[in-house]
Amino acid sequence: MAKTRSLVCEKAYAFSIRIVRLYQYLVGEKKEWVLAKQLLRSGTAIGALIEEAIGGESDADFKHKLKIAYKEARETHYWIRLLTDTDYLNDNQSESIKNDCKN
């Protein structure tokens, strides 16, 4: 189980880095702050919640934190779709990060 947690943590951390870089792009290049901030908050919360889950006080706490992380991933997927459909992201940018969000 520790290897699974490690892989999940690594993937979530790498995703958070992509989200931060996407936020920097959206603010710097596209001058979009509001949607970008929403994306930054939900996208980086996923990894933080997984880390919290691993340090959970009980199995119930662990499960609860992972459920919240899942909800944050769904929210992040929503913001990515919205940014794509409003032409802040092109299809290639969108598909790449959506794939990471789902996996």
N, C-alpha and C. Protein backbone atom coordinates (compact mmCIF):
# COMPACT_ATOMS: atom_id res chain seq x y z
N MET A 1 0.81 -1.20 0.00
CA MET A 1 0.00 0.00 0.00
C MET A 1 0.86 1.26 0.00
N ALA A 2 2.01 1.22 0.60
CA ALA A 2 2.87 2.39 0.67
C ALA A 2 3.31 2.83 -0.73
N LYS A 3 3.59 1.85 -1.62
CA LYS A 3 3.99 2.22 -2.97
C LYS A 3 2.86 2.92 -3.71
N THR A 4 1.63 2.46 -3.53
CA THR A 4 0.49 3.11 -4.16
C THR A 4 0.35 4.54 -3.67
N ARG A 5 0.47 4.72 -2.37
CA ARG A 5 0.37 6.07 -1.81
C ARG A 5 1.49 6.94 -2.37
N SER A 6 2.69 6.41 -2.47
CA SER A 6 3.82 7.16 -2.97
C SER A 6 3.57 7.60 -4.41
N LEU A 7 3.10 6.67 -5.24
CA LEU A 7 2.81 7.00 -6.63
C LEU A 7 1.70 8.04 -6.72
N VAL A 8 0.67 7.90 -5.93
CA VAL A 8 -0.43 8.87 -5.93
C VAL A 8 0.10 10.24 -5.50
N CYS A 9 0.92 10.27 -4.47
CA CYS A 9 1.49 11.54 -4.01
C CYS A 9 2.36 12.18 -5.08
N GLU A 10 3.18 11.39 -5.72
CA GLU A 10 4.05 11.91 -6.78
C GLU A 10 3.23 12.48 -7.93
N LYS A 11 2.21 11.75 -8.35
CA LYS A 11 1.38 12.22 -9.45
C LYS A 11 0.62 13.50 -9.07
N ALA A 12 0.11 13.53 -7.85
CA ALA A 12 -0.62 14.72 -7.39
C ALA A 12 0.31 15.92 -7.30
N TYR A 13 1.53 15.70 -6.84
CA TYR A 13 2.49 16.79 -6.73
C TYR A 13 2.88 17.31 -8.13
N ALA A 14 3.12 16.40 -9.06
CA ALA A 14 3.45 16.79 -10.43
C ALA A 14 2.28 17.56 -11.06
N PHE A 15 1.07 17.11 -10.77
CA PHE A 15 -0.11 17.82 -11.28
C PHE A 15 -0.19 19.23 -10.69
N SER A 16 0.10 19.35 -9.41
CA SER A 16 0.10 20.67 -8.77
C SER A 16 1.09 21.61 -9.44
N ILE A 17 2.24 21.09 -9.79
CA ILE A 17 3.25 21.91 -10.48
C ILE A 17 2.70 22.37 -11.83
N ARG A 18 2.05 21.47 -12.55
CA ARG A 18 1.45 21.87 -13.84
C ARG A 18 0.38 22.94 -13.65
N ILE A 19 -0.40 22.80 -12.58
CA ILE A 19 -1.46 23.77 -12.30
C ILE A 19 -0.84 25.14 -11.99
N VAL A 20 0.20 25.17 -11.19
CA VAL A 20 0.87 26.44 -10.86
C VAL A 20 1.41 27.08 -12.13
N ARG A 21 2.03 26.28 -12.99
CA ARG A 21 2.57 26.83 -14.25
C ARG A 21 1.44 27.31 -15.17
N LEU A 22 0.34 26.58 -15.18
CA LEU A 22 -0.81 27.02 -15.98
C LEU A 22 -1.37 28.33 -15.43
N TYR A 23 -1.45 28.43 -14.12
CA TYR A 23 -1.89 29.68 -13.49
C TYR A 23 -0.97 30.84 -13.91
N GLN A 24 0.33 30.62 -13.86
CA GLN A 24 1.28 31.66 -14.26
C GLN A 24 1.07 32.08 -15.72
N TYR A 25 0.82 31.11 -16.57
CA TYR A 25 0.54 31.38 -17.98
C TYR A 25 -0.75 32.19 -18.14
N LEU A 26 -1.80 31.76 -17.46
CA LEU A 26 -3.09 32.43 -17.59
C LEU A 26 -3.02 33.88 -17.10
N VAL A 27 -2.32 34.10 -16.01
CA VAL A 27 -2.20 35.45 -15.46
C VAL A 27 -1.24 36.29 -16.31
N GLY A 28 -0.11 35.71 -16.68
CA GLY A 28 0.91 36.45 -17.42
C GLY A 28 0.57 36.70 -18.87
N GLU A 29 0.14 35.66 -19.57
CA GLU A 29 -0.11 35.77 -21.01
C GLU A 29 -1.54 36.16 -21.36
N LYS A 30 -2.48 35.58 -20.67
CA LYS A 30 -3.89 35.78 -21.01
C LYS A 30 -4.56 36.87 -20.17
N LYS A 31 -3.87 37.31 -19.12
CA LYS A 31 -4.40 38.35 -18.22
C LYS A 31 -5.74 37.94 -17.61
N GLU A 32 -5.84 36.67 -17.26
CA GLU A 32 -7.04 36.12 -16.63
C GLU A 32 -6.71 35.76 -15.19
N TRP A 33 -7.35 36.46 -14.25
CA TRP A 33 -7.04 36.27 -12.84
C TRP A 33 -8.11 35.48 -12.08
N VAL A 34 -9.36 35.72 -12.34
CA VAL A 34 -10.44 35.14 -11.53
C VAL A 34 -10.55 33.63 -11.74
N LEU A 35 -10.71 33.21 -12.98
CA LEU A 35 -10.81 31.77 -13.26
C LEU A 35 -9.49 31.08 -12.94
N ALA A 36 -8.39 31.75 -13.23
CA ALA A 36 -7.08 31.17 -12.95
C ALA A 36 -6.90 30.90 -11.46
N LYS A 37 -7.37 31.80 -10.62
CA LYS A 37 -7.26 31.62 -9.17
C LYS A 37 -8.09 30.43 -8.70
N GLN A 38 -9.29 30.28 -9.27
CA GLN A 38 -10.14 29.13 -8.93
C GLN A 38 -9.44 27.82 -9.29
N LEU A 39 -8.84 27.81 -10.48
CA LEU A 39 -8.11 26.63 -10.95
C LEU A 39 -6.93 26.34 -10.02
N LEU A 40 -6.19 27.38 -9.65
CA LEU A 40 -5.04 27.21 -8.77
C LEU A 40 -5.46 26.61 -7.43
N ARG A 41 -6.53 27.12 -6.86
CA ARG A 41 -6.97 26.63 -5.55
C ARG A 41 -7.41 25.17 -5.59
N SER A 42 -8.27 24.84 -6.55
CA SER A 42 -8.77 23.46 -6.58
C SER A 42 -7.68 22.49 -7.05
N GLY A 43 -6.89 22.90 -8.03
CA GLY A 43 -5.87 22.01 -8.59
C GLY A 43 -4.75 21.68 -7.63
N THR A 44 -4.36 22.63 -6.79
CA THR A 44 -3.30 22.35 -5.83
C THR A 44 -3.85 21.72 -4.55
N ALA A 45 -5.13 21.85 -4.31
CA ALA A 45 -5.74 21.24 -3.12
C ALA A 45 -5.73 19.72 -3.19
N ILE A 46 -5.75 19.17 -4.39
CA ILE A 46 -5.80 17.71 -4.56
C ILE A 46 -4.63 17.04 -3.84
N GLY A 47 -3.43 17.47 -4.17
CA GLY A 47 -2.25 16.88 -3.57
C GLY A 47 -2.16 17.14 -2.07
N ALA A 48 -2.54 18.34 -1.67
CA ALA A 48 -2.50 18.67 -0.24
C ALA A 48 -3.46 17.77 0.55
N LEU A 49 -4.61 17.51 -0.01
CA LEU A 49 -5.58 16.65 0.67
C LEU A 49 -5.11 15.20 0.72
N ILE A 50 -4.44 14.76 -0.32
CA ILE A 50 -3.90 13.40 -0.31
C ILE A 50 -2.83 13.28 0.77
N GLU A 51 -1.98 14.29 0.89
CA GLU A 51 -0.97 14.29 1.95
C GLU A 51 -1.63 14.27 3.33
N GLU A 52 -2.69 15.06 3.48
CA GLU A 52 -3.43 15.07 4.75
C GLU A 52 -4.03 13.70 5.03
N ALA A 53 -4.57 13.07 4.00
CA ALA A 53 -5.19 11.75 4.16
C ALA A 53 -4.17 10.73 4.68
N ILE A 54 -2.98 10.77 4.13
CA ILE A 54 -1.95 9.83 4.55
C ILE A 54 -1.62 10.01 6.03
N GLY A 55 -1.68 11.22 6.49
CA GLY A 55 -1.44 11.49 7.90
C GLY A 55 -2.70 11.48 8.74
N GLY A 56 -3.77 10.94 8.19
CA GLY A 56 -5.06 10.94 8.87
C GLY A 56 -5.04 10.23 10.22
N GLU A 57 -5.95 10.64 11.05
CA GLU A 57 -6.02 10.10 12.41
C GLU A 57 -6.71 8.74 12.49
N SER A 58 -7.46 8.40 11.46
CA SER A 58 -8.19 7.14 11.46
C SER A 58 -8.48 6.74 10.02
N ASP A 59 -8.97 5.53 9.83
CA ASP A 59 -9.36 5.11 8.49
C ASP A 59 -10.48 6.00 7.95
N ALA A 60 -11.39 6.38 8.82
CA ALA A 60 -12.50 7.26 8.40
C ALA A 60 -11.96 8.61 7.95
N ASP A 61 -11.01 9.15 8.68
CA ASP A 61 -10.40 10.43 8.32
C ASP A 61 -9.68 10.31 6.99
N PHE A 62 -8.94 9.21 6.80
CA PHE A 62 -8.24 8.94 5.55
C PHE A 62 -9.22 8.95 4.37
N LYS A 63 -10.30 8.20 4.51
CA LYS A 63 -11.31 8.11 3.44
C LYS A 63 -11.97 9.45 3.17
N HIS A 64 -12.27 10.16 4.23
CA HIS A 64 -12.92 11.47 4.09
C HIS A 64 -12.04 12.44 3.29
N LYS A 65 -10.75 12.49 3.64
CA LYS A 65 -9.83 13.40 2.94
C LYS A 65 -9.69 13.01 1.47
N LEU A 66 -9.65 11.70 1.19
CA LEU A 66 -9.55 11.27 -0.20
C LEU A 66 -10.81 11.62 -0.99
N LYS A 67 -11.97 11.53 -0.34
CA LYS A 67 -13.21 11.92 -1.01
C LYS A 67 -13.20 13.40 -1.35
N ILE A 68 -12.68 14.21 -0.46
CA ILE A 68 -12.59 15.65 -0.73
C ILE A 68 -11.60 15.91 -1.87
N ALA A 69 -10.48 15.18 -1.88
CA ALA A 69 -9.51 15.31 -2.96
C ALA A 69 -10.17 14.98 -4.30
N TYR A 70 -10.99 13.95 -4.32
CA TYR A 70 -11.72 13.58 -5.54
C TYR A 70 -12.65 14.72 -5.99
N LYS A 71 -13.34 15.32 -5.04
CA LYS A 71 -14.23 16.43 -5.36
C LYS A 71 -13.44 17.62 -5.92
N GLU A 72 -12.25 17.87 -5.37
CA GLU A 72 -11.40 18.95 -5.87
C GLU A 72 -10.94 18.65 -7.29
N ALA A 73 -10.66 17.37 -7.58
CA ALA A 73 -10.25 16.98 -8.93
C ALA A 73 -11.39 17.23 -9.91
N ARG A 74 -12.61 16.92 -9.51
CA ARG A 74 -13.77 17.18 -10.38
C ARG A 74 -13.94 18.68 -10.61
N GLU A 75 -13.76 19.46 -9.55
CA GLU A 75 -13.87 20.91 -9.70
C GLU A 75 -12.79 21.43 -10.65
N THR A 76 -11.58 20.92 -10.49
CA THR A 76 -10.48 21.34 -11.36
C THR A 76 -10.79 21.02 -12.81
N HIS A 77 -11.34 19.84 -13.04
CA HIS A 77 -11.74 19.45 -14.39
C HIS A 77 -12.76 20.45 -14.95
N TYR A 78 -13.68 20.89 -14.13
CA TYR A 78 -14.67 21.88 -14.54
C TYR A 78 -13.99 23.18 -14.98
N TRP A 79 -13.05 23.69 -14.17
CA TRP A 79 -12.39 24.95 -14.51
C TRP A 79 -11.59 24.82 -15.80
N ILE A 80 -10.97 23.67 -16.01
CA ILE A 80 -10.22 23.45 -17.24
C ILE A 80 -11.16 23.49 -18.44
N ARG A 81 -12.30 22.82 -18.31
CA ARG A 81 -13.29 22.84 -19.40
C ARG A 81 -13.77 24.26 -19.66
N LEU A 82 -14.05 25.00 -18.62
CA LEU A 82 -14.53 26.37 -18.78
C LEU A 82 -13.46 27.25 -19.43
N LEU A 83 -12.23 27.12 -19.00
CA LEU A 83 -11.14 27.89 -19.61
C LEU A 83 -10.95 27.53 -21.09
N THR A 84 -11.20 26.30 -21.43
CA THR A 84 -11.09 25.87 -22.83
C THR A 84 -12.25 26.43 -23.65
N ASP A 85 -13.44 26.30 -23.14
CA ASP A 85 -14.62 26.74 -23.89
C ASP A 85 -14.75 28.25 -23.99
N THR A 86 -13.96 28.97 -23.19
CA THR A 86 -13.93 30.44 -23.30
C THR A 86 -12.64 30.92 -23.95
N ASP A 87 -11.93 30.00 -24.59
CA ASP A 87 -10.75 30.28 -25.41
C ASP A 87 -9.53 30.80 -24.66
N TYR A 88 -9.43 30.51 -23.38
CA TYR A 88 -8.20 30.81 -22.65
C TYR A 88 -7.17 29.71 -22.85
N LEU A 89 -7.65 28.48 -23.09
CA LEU A 89 -6.78 27.34 -23.39
C LEU A 89 -7.16 26.77 -24.74
N ASN A 90 -6.16 26.34 -25.49
CA ASN A 90 -6.48 25.67 -26.75
C ASN A 90 -6.71 24.19 -26.47
N ASP A 91 -7.17 23.47 -27.47
CA ASP A 91 -7.52 22.06 -27.28
C ASP A 91 -6.34 21.22 -26.83
N ASN A 92 -5.15 21.47 -27.37
CA ASN A 92 -3.97 20.69 -26.98
C ASN A 92 -3.62 20.91 -25.51
N GLN A 93 -3.62 22.17 -25.08
CA GLN A 93 -3.34 22.47 -23.68
C GLN A 93 -4.38 21.81 -22.78
N SER A 94 -5.61 21.93 -23.17
CA SER A 94 -6.71 21.41 -22.38
C SER A 94 -6.64 19.89 -22.24
N GLU A 95 -6.48 19.20 -23.35
CA GLU A 95 -6.47 17.73 -23.32
C GLU A 95 -5.32 17.19 -22.48
N SER A 96 -4.18 17.81 -22.60
CA SER A 96 -3.02 17.36 -21.86
C SER A 96 -3.25 17.44 -20.34
N ILE A 97 -3.73 18.56 -19.88
CA ILE A 97 -3.91 18.71 -18.43
C ILE A 97 -5.17 17.98 -17.94
N LYS A 98 -6.19 17.88 -18.80
CA LYS A 98 -7.38 17.09 -18.40
C LYS A 98 -7.01 15.63 -18.21
N ASN A 99 -6.15 15.11 -19.06
CA ASN A 99 -5.71 13.71 -18.92
C ASN A 99 -4.99 13.51 -17.60
N ASP A 100 -4.15 14.46 -17.22
CA ASP A 100 -3.47 14.36 -15.93
C ASP A 100 -4.45 14.47 -14.79
N CYS A 101 -5.47 15.25 -14.95
CA CYS A 101 -6.48 15.44 -13.89
C CYS A 101 -7.29 14.16 -13.68
N LYS A 102 -7.56 13.45 -14.74
CA LYS A 102 -8.35 12.22 -14.64
C LYS A 102 -7.53 11.04 -14.14
N ASN A 103 -6.25 11.07 -14.39
CA ASN A 103 -5.39 9.93 -14.05
C ASN A 103 -4.61 10.24 -12.80
